[in-house]
Amino acid sequence: MALDSRLLELLVCPVSKASLTYRQEVDELWCRASGLAYPVRDGIPVMLENDARELTAEERASLKE
């Protein structure tokens, strides 16, 4: 399930306040600034730092492209 583009424009990382990139293949919102990935469960972004995971070095590098 894809996220609504209008919702994605409004959401920011709660840690860095930076914009997010939706990665549909893993159903997560990634933040380059904080290096965190927020899960999307049943189409609902879970924007809690405690539920986020750290991006790997490879994942972070893919955001710079």
PDB file of N, CA and C in Angstrom:
ATOM      1  N   MET A   1       0.851  -1.184   0.000  1.00  0.00           N
ATOM      2  CA  MET A   1       0.000   0.000   0.000  1.00  0.00           C
ATOM      3  C   MET A   1       0.892   1.241   0.000  1.00  0.00           C
ATOM      4  N   ALA A   2       0.714   2.109  -0.948  1.00  0.00           N
ATOM      5  CA  ALA A   2       1.504   3.333  -1.046  1.00  0.00           C
ATOM      6  C   ALA A   2       0.921   4.406  -0.128  1.00  0.00           C
ATOM      7  N   LEU A   3       1.807   5.232   0.393  1.00  0.00           N
ATOM      8  CA  LEU A   3       1.366   6.344   1.226  1.00  0.00           C
ATOM      9  C   LEU A   3       0.852   7.475   0.348  1.00  0.00           C
ATOM     10  N   ASP A   4      -0.099   8.199   0.867  1.00  0.00           N
ATOM     11  CA  ASP A   4      -0.627   9.376   0.182  1.00  0.00           C
ATOM     12  C   ASP A   4       0.492  10.412   0.066  1.00  0.00           C
ATOM     13  N   SER A   5       0.712  10.931  -1.130  1.00  0.00           N
ATOM     14  CA  SER A   5       1.801  11.888  -1.345  1.00  0.00           C
ATOM     15  C   SER A   5       1.610  13.170  -0.528  1.00  0.00           C
ATOM     16  N   ARG A   6       0.374  13.551  -0.281  1.00  0.00           N
ATOM     17  CA  ARG A   6       0.119  14.752   0.537  1.00  0.00           C
ATOM     18  C   ARG A   6       0.544  14.522   1.978  1.00  0.00           C
ATOM     19  N   LEU A   7       0.308  13.314   2.481  1.00  0.00           N
ATOM     20  CA  LEU A   7       0.728  12.983   3.847  1.00  0.00           C
ATOM     21  C   LEU A   7       2.245  12.980   3.932  1.00  0.00           C
ATOM     22  N   LEU A   8       2.887  12.409   2.948  1.00  0.00           N
ATOM     23  CA  LEU A   8       4.342  12.348   2.939  1.00  0.00           C
ATOM     24  C   LEU A   8       4.966  13.740   2.931  1.00  0.00           C
ATOM     25  N   GLU A   9       4.338  14.683   2.261  1.00  0.00           N
ATOM     26  CA  GLU A   9       4.841  16.061   2.235  1.00  0.00           C
ATOM     27  C   GLU A   9       4.780  16.710   3.613  1.00  0.00           C
ATOM     28  N   LEU A  10       3.809  16.308   4.427  1.00  0.00           N
ATOM     29  CA  LEU A  10       3.626  16.909   5.749  1.00  0.00           C
ATOM     30  C   LEU A  10       4.486  16.273   6.842  1.00  0.00           C
ATOM     31  N   LEU A  11       4.781  15.002   6.684  1.00  0.00           N
ATOM     32  CA  LEU A  11       5.526  14.293   7.723  1.00  0.00           C
ATOM     33  C   LEU A  11       7.001  14.686   7.728  1.00  0.00           C
ATOM     34  N   VAL A  12       7.551  14.813   8.927  1.00  0.00           N
ATOM     35  CA  VAL A  12       8.983  15.042   9.103  1.00  0.00           C
ATOM     36  C   VAL A  12       9.487  14.117  10.197  1.00  0.00           C
ATOM     37  N   CYS A  13      10.767  13.913  10.227  1.00  0.00           N
ATOM     38  CA  CYS A  13      11.383  13.093  11.266  1.00  0.00           C
ATOM     39  C   CYS A  13      11.198  13.785  12.614  1.00  0.00           C
ATOM     40  N   PRO A  14      10.676  13.090  13.625  1.00  0.00           N
ATOM     41  CA  PRO A  14      10.481  13.717  14.934  1.00  0.00           C
ATOM     42  C   PRO A  14      11.796  14.046  15.641  1.00  0.00           C
ATOM     43  N   VAL A  15      12.895  13.452  15.222  1.00  0.00           N
ATOM     44  CA  VAL A  15      14.192  13.701  15.845  1.00  0.00           C
ATOM     45  C   VAL A  15      14.885  14.897  15.202  1.00  0.00           C
ATOM     46  N   SER A  16      15.006  14.876  13.862  1.00  0.00           N
ATOM     47  CA  SER A  16      15.767  15.916  13.164  1.00  0.00           C
ATOM     48  C   SER A  16      14.896  16.995  12.519  1.00  0.00           C
ATOM     49  N   LYS A  17      13.609  16.721  12.404  1.00  0.00           N
ATOM     50  CA  LYS A  17      12.656  17.618  11.719  1.00  0.00           C
ATOM     51  C   LYS A  17      12.929  17.714  10.219  1.00  0.00           C
ATOM     52  N   ALA A  18      13.690  16.762   9.678  1.00  0.00           N
ATOM     53  CA  ALA A  18      14.016  16.735   8.250  1.00  0.00           C
ATOM     54  C   ALA A  18      12.958  15.940   7.490  1.00  0.00           C
ATOM     55  N   SER A  19      12.961  16.101   6.182  1.00  0.00           N
ATOM     56  CA  SER A  19      12.003  15.385   5.348  1.00  0.00           C
ATOM     57  C   SER A  19      12.324  13.890   5.320  1.00  0.00           C
ATOM     58  N   LEU A  20      11.333  13.113   4.902  1.00  0.00           N
ATOM     59  CA  LEU A  20      11.442  11.658   4.895  1.00  0.00           C
ATOM     60  C   LEU A  20      11.290  11.125   3.478  1.00  0.00           C
ATOM     61  N   THR A  21      11.868   9.961   3.246  1.00  0.00           N
ATOM     62  CA  THR A  21      11.751   9.265   1.969  1.00  0.00           C
ATOM     63  C   THR A  21      11.023   7.959   2.217  1.00  0.00           C
ATOM     64  N   TYR A  22       9.939   7.740   1.476  1.00  0.00           N
ATOM     65  CA  TYR A  22       9.185   6.497   1.639  1.00  0.00           C
ATOM     66  C   TYR A  22       9.815   5.406   0.803  1.00  0.00           C
ATOM     67  N   ARG A  23      10.164   4.301   1.442  1.00  0.00           N
ATOM     68  CA  ARG A  23      10.721   3.124   0.770  1.00  0.00           C
ATOM     69  C   ARG A  23       9.654   2.042   0.778  1.00  0.00           C
ATOM     70  N   GLN A  24       8.922   1.964  -0.324  1.00  0.00           N
ATOM     71  CA  GLN A  24       7.784   1.061  -0.412  1.00  0.00           C
ATOM     72  C   GLN A  24       8.201  -0.401  -0.281  1.00  0.00           C
ATOM     73  N   GLU A  25       9.371  -0.758  -0.796  1.00  0.00           N
ATOM     74  CA  GLU A  25       9.800  -2.153  -0.769  1.00  0.00           C
ATOM     75  C   GLU A  25       9.968  -2.702   0.647  1.00  0.00           C
ATOM     76  N   VAL A  26      10.236  -1.833   1.610  1.00  0.00           N
ATOM     77  CA  VAL A  26      10.377  -2.273   3.007  1.00  0.00           C
ATOM     78  C   VAL A  26       9.303  -1.653   3.908  1.00  0.00           C
ATOM     79  N   ASP A  27       8.426  -0.836   3.317  1.00  0.00           N
ATOM     80  CA  ASP A  27       7.341  -0.170   4.037  1.00  0.00           C
ATOM     81  C   ASP A  27       7.869   0.631   5.231  1.00  0.00           C
ATOM     82  N   GLU A  28       8.813   1.527   4.926  1.00  0.00           N
ATOM     83  CA  GLU A  28       9.417   2.382   5.952  1.00  0.00           C
ATOM     84  C   GLU A  28       9.607   3.794   5.413  1.00  0.00           C
ATOM     85  N   LEU A  29       9.681   4.728   6.331  1.00  0.00           N
ATOM     86  CA  LEU A  29      10.037   6.112   6.031  1.00  0.00           C
ATOM     87  C   LEU A  29      11.458   6.326   6.532  1.00  0.00           C
ATOM     88  N   TRP A  30      12.354   6.737   5.628  1.00  0.00           N
ATOM     89  CA  TRP A  30      13.763   6.900   5.969  1.00  0.00           C
ATOM     90  C   TRP A  30      14.123   8.368   6.077  1.00  0.00           C
ATOM     91  N   CYS A  31      14.954   8.680   7.083  1.00  0.00           N
ATOM     92  CA  CYS A  31      15.449  10.041   7.273  1.00  0.00           C
ATOM     93  C   CYS A  31      16.966  10.039   7.120  1.00  0.00           C
ATOM     94  N   ARG A  32      17.437  10.792   6.153  1.00  0.00           N
ATOM     95  CA  ARG A  32      18.883  10.883   5.937  1.00  0.00           C
ATOM     96  C   ARG A  32      19.557  11.614   7.094  1.00  0.00           C
ATOM     97  N   ALA A  33      18.943  12.670   7.601  1.00  0.00           N
ATOM     98  CA  ALA A  33      19.561  13.493   8.637  1.00  0.00           C
ATOM     99  C   ALA A  33      19.777  12.738   9.947  1.00  0.00           C
ATOM    100  N   SER A  34      18.786  11.991  10.390  1.00  0.00           N
ATOM    101  CA  SER A  34      18.908  11.276  11.669  1.00  0.00           C
ATOM    102  C   SER A  34      19.408   9.850  11.494  1.00  0.00           C
ATOM    103  N   GLY A  35      19.304   9.321  10.268  1.00  0.00           N
ATOM    104  CA  GLY A  35      19.723   7.948  10.027  1.00  0.00           C
ATOM    105  C   GLY A  35      18.757   6.927  10.597  1.00  0.00           C
ATOM    106  N   LEU A  36      17.478   7.319  10.717  1.00  0.00           N
ATOM    107  CA  LEU A  36      16.476   6.424  11.270  1.00  0.00           C
ATOM    108  C   LEU A  36      15.452   6.018  10.220  1.00  0.00           C
ATOM    109  N   ALA A  37      14.888   4.828  10.419  1.00  0.00           N
ATOM    110  CA  ALA A  37      13.826   4.303   9.553  1.00  0.00           C
ATOM    111  C   ALA A  37      12.600   4.067  10.410  1.00  0.00           C
ATOM    112  N   TYR A  38      11.489   4.681  10.026  1.00  0.00           N
ATOM    113  CA  TYR A  38      10.233   4.558  10.763  1.00  0.00           C
ATOM    114  C   TYR A  38       9.317   3.580  10.032  1.00  0.00           C
ATOM    115  N   PRO A  39       8.753   2.624  10.740  1.00  0.00           N
ATOM    116  CA  PRO A  39       7.896   1.633  10.081  1.00  0.00           C
ATOM    117  C   PRO A  39       6.545   2.213   9.680  1.00  0.00           C
ATOM    118  N   VAL A  40       5.968   1.627   8.648  1.00  0.00           N
ATOM    119  CA  VAL A  40       4.596   1.936   8.243  1.00  0.00           C
ATOM    120  C   VAL A  40       3.818   0.640   8.430  1.00  0.00           C
ATOM    121  N   ARG A  41       2.861   0.668   9.346  1.00  0.00           N
ATOM    122  CA  ARG A  41       2.082  -0.530   9.666  1.00  0.00           C
ATOM    123  C   ARG A  41       0.629  -0.329   9.253  1.00  0.00           C
ATOM    124  N   ASP A  42       0.155  -1.212   8.399  1.00  0.00           N
ATOM    125  CA  ASP A  42      -1.220  -1.139   7.895  1.00  0.00           C
ATOM    126  C   ASP A  42      -1.521   0.231   7.293  1.00  0.00           C
ATOM    127  N   GLY A  43      -0.520   0.800   6.612  1.00  0.00           N
ATOM    128  CA  GLY A  43      -0.698   2.090   5.957  1.00  0.00           C
ATOM    129  C   GLY A  43      -0.560   3.293   6.867  1.00  0.00           C
ATOM    130  N   ILE A  44      -0.204   3.066   8.138  1.00  0.00           N
ATOM    131  CA  ILE A  44      -0.090   4.160   9.106  1.00  0.00           C
ATOM    132  C   ILE A  44       1.371   4.318   9.535  1.00  0.00           C
ATOM    133  N   PRO A  45       1.976   5.491   9.298  1.00  0.00           N
ATOM    134  CA  PRO A  45       3.351   5.709   9.728  1.00  0.00           C
ATOM    135  C   PRO A  45       3.444   5.730  11.264  1.00  0.00           C
ATOM    136  N   VAL A  46       4.405   5.000  11.789  1.00  0.00           N
ATOM    137  CA  VAL A  46       4.644   4.976  13.234  1.00  0.00           C
ATOM    138  C   VAL A  46       5.841   5.887  13.487  1.00  0.00           C
ATOM    139  N   MET A  47       5.550   7.110  13.908  1.00  0.00           N
ATOM    140  CA  MET A  47       6.580   8.134  14.027  1.00  0.00           C
ATOM    141  C   MET A  47       7.120   8.259  15.452  1.00  0.00           C
ATOM    142  N   LEU A  48       7.435   7.142  16.045  1.00  0.00           N
ATOM    143  CA  LEU A  48       7.980   7.109  17.394  1.00  0.00           C
ATOM    144  C   LEU A  48       9.448   6.711  17.336  1.00  0.00           C
ATOM    145  N   GLU A  49      10.296   7.496  17.986  1.00  0.00           N
ATOM    146  CA  GLU A  49      11.727   7.208  17.958  1.00  0.00           C
ATOM    147  C   GLU A  49      12.030   5.810  18.508  1.00  0.00           C
ATOM    148  N   ASN A  50      11.289   5.384  19.505  1.00  0.00           N
ATOM    149  CA  ASN A  50      11.519   4.061  20.102  1.00  0.00           C
ATOM    150  C   ASN A  50      11.199   2.923  19.142  1.00  0.00           C
ATOM    151  N   ASP A  51      10.330   3.148  18.169  1.00  0.00           N
ATOM    152  CA  ASP A  51       9.965   2.115  17.195  1.00  0.00           C
ATOM    153  C   ASP A  51      10.823   2.179  15.935  1.00  0.00           C
ATOM    154  N   ALA A  52      11.638   3.211  15.812  1.00  0.00           N
ATOM    155  CA  ALA A  52      12.498   3.366  14.640  1.00  0.00           C
ATOM    156  C   ALA A  52      13.730   2.478  14.775  1.00  0.00           C
ATOM    157  N   ARG A  53      14.320   2.193  13.624  1.00  0.00           N
ATOM    158  CA  ARG A  53      15.583   1.456  13.627  1.00  0.00           C
ATOM    159  C   ARG A  53      16.633   2.306  12.929  1.00  0.00           C
ATOM    160  N   GLU A  54      17.892   2.029  13.211  1.00  0.00           N
ATOM    161  CA  GLU A  54      18.972   2.756  12.557  1.00  0.00           C
ATOM    162  C   GLU A  54      19.193   2.210  11.153  1.00  0.00           C
ATOM    163  N   LEU A  55      19.385   3.120  10.215  1.00  0.00           N
ATOM    164  CA  LEU A  55      19.701   2.726   8.851  1.00  0.00           C
ATOM    165  C   LEU A  55      21.124   2.171   8.789  1.00  0.00           C
ATOM    166  N   THR A  56      21.331   1.195   7.931  1.00  0.00           N
ATOM    167  CA  THR A  56      22.678   0.682   7.713  1.00  0.00           C
ATOM    168  C   THR A  56      23.457   1.692   6.876  1.00  0.00           C
ATOM    169  N   ALA A  57      24.755   1.511   6.810  1.00  0.00           N
ATOM    170  CA  ALA A  57      25.599   2.399   6.005  1.00  0.00           C
ATOM    171  C   ALA A  57      25.176   2.347   4.532  1.00  0.00           C
ATOM    172  N   GLU A  58      24.832   1.169   4.042  1.00  0.00           N
ATOM    173  CA  GLU A  58      24.392   1.030   2.653  1.00  0.00           C
ATOM    174  C   GLU A  58      23.083   1.764   2.405  1.00  0.00           C
ATOM    175  N   GLU A  59      22.157   1.658   3.359  1.00  0.00           N
ATOM    176  CA  GLU A  59      20.865   2.346   3.222  1.00  0.00           C
ATOM    177  C   GLU A  59      21.062   3.855   3.227  1.00  0.00           C
ATOM    178  N   ARG A  60      21.912   4.340   4.113  1.00  0.00           N
ATOM    179  CA  ARG A  60      22.178   5.790   4.157  1.00  0.00           C
ATOM    180  C   ARG A  60      22.803   6.267   2.856  1.00  0.00           C
ATOM    181  N   ALA A  61      23.724   5.485   2.332  1.00  0.00           N
ATOM    182  CA  ALA A  61      24.386   5.854   1.079  1.00  0.00           C
ATOM    183  C   ALA A  61      23.380   5.902  -0.072  1.00  0.00           C
ATOM    184  N   SER A  62      22.387   5.034  -0.048  1.00  0.00           N
ATOM    185  CA  SER A  62      21.392   5.028  -1.127  1.00  0.00           C
ATOM    186  C   SER A  62      20.527   6.279  -1.102  1.00  0.00           C
ATOM    187  N   LEU A  63      20.403   6.922   0.034  1.00  0.00           N
ATOM    188  CA  LEU A  63      19.618   8.156   0.129  1.00  0.00           C
ATOM    189  C   LEU A  63      20.343   9.351  -0.477  1.00  0.00           C
ATOM    190  N   LYS A  64      21.651   9.266  -0.611  1.00  0.00           N
ATOM    191  CA  LYS A  64      22.429  10.389  -1.142  1.00  0.00           C
ATOM    192  C   LYS A  64      22.426  10.427  -2.656  1.00  0.00           C
ATOM    193  N   GLU A  65      21.914   9.382  -3.268  1.00  0.00           N
ATOM    194  CA  GLU A  65      21.898   9.315  -4.728  1.00  0.00           C
ATOM    195  C   GLU A  65      20.799  10.168  -5.309  1.00  0.00           C
TER     196      GLU A  65
END
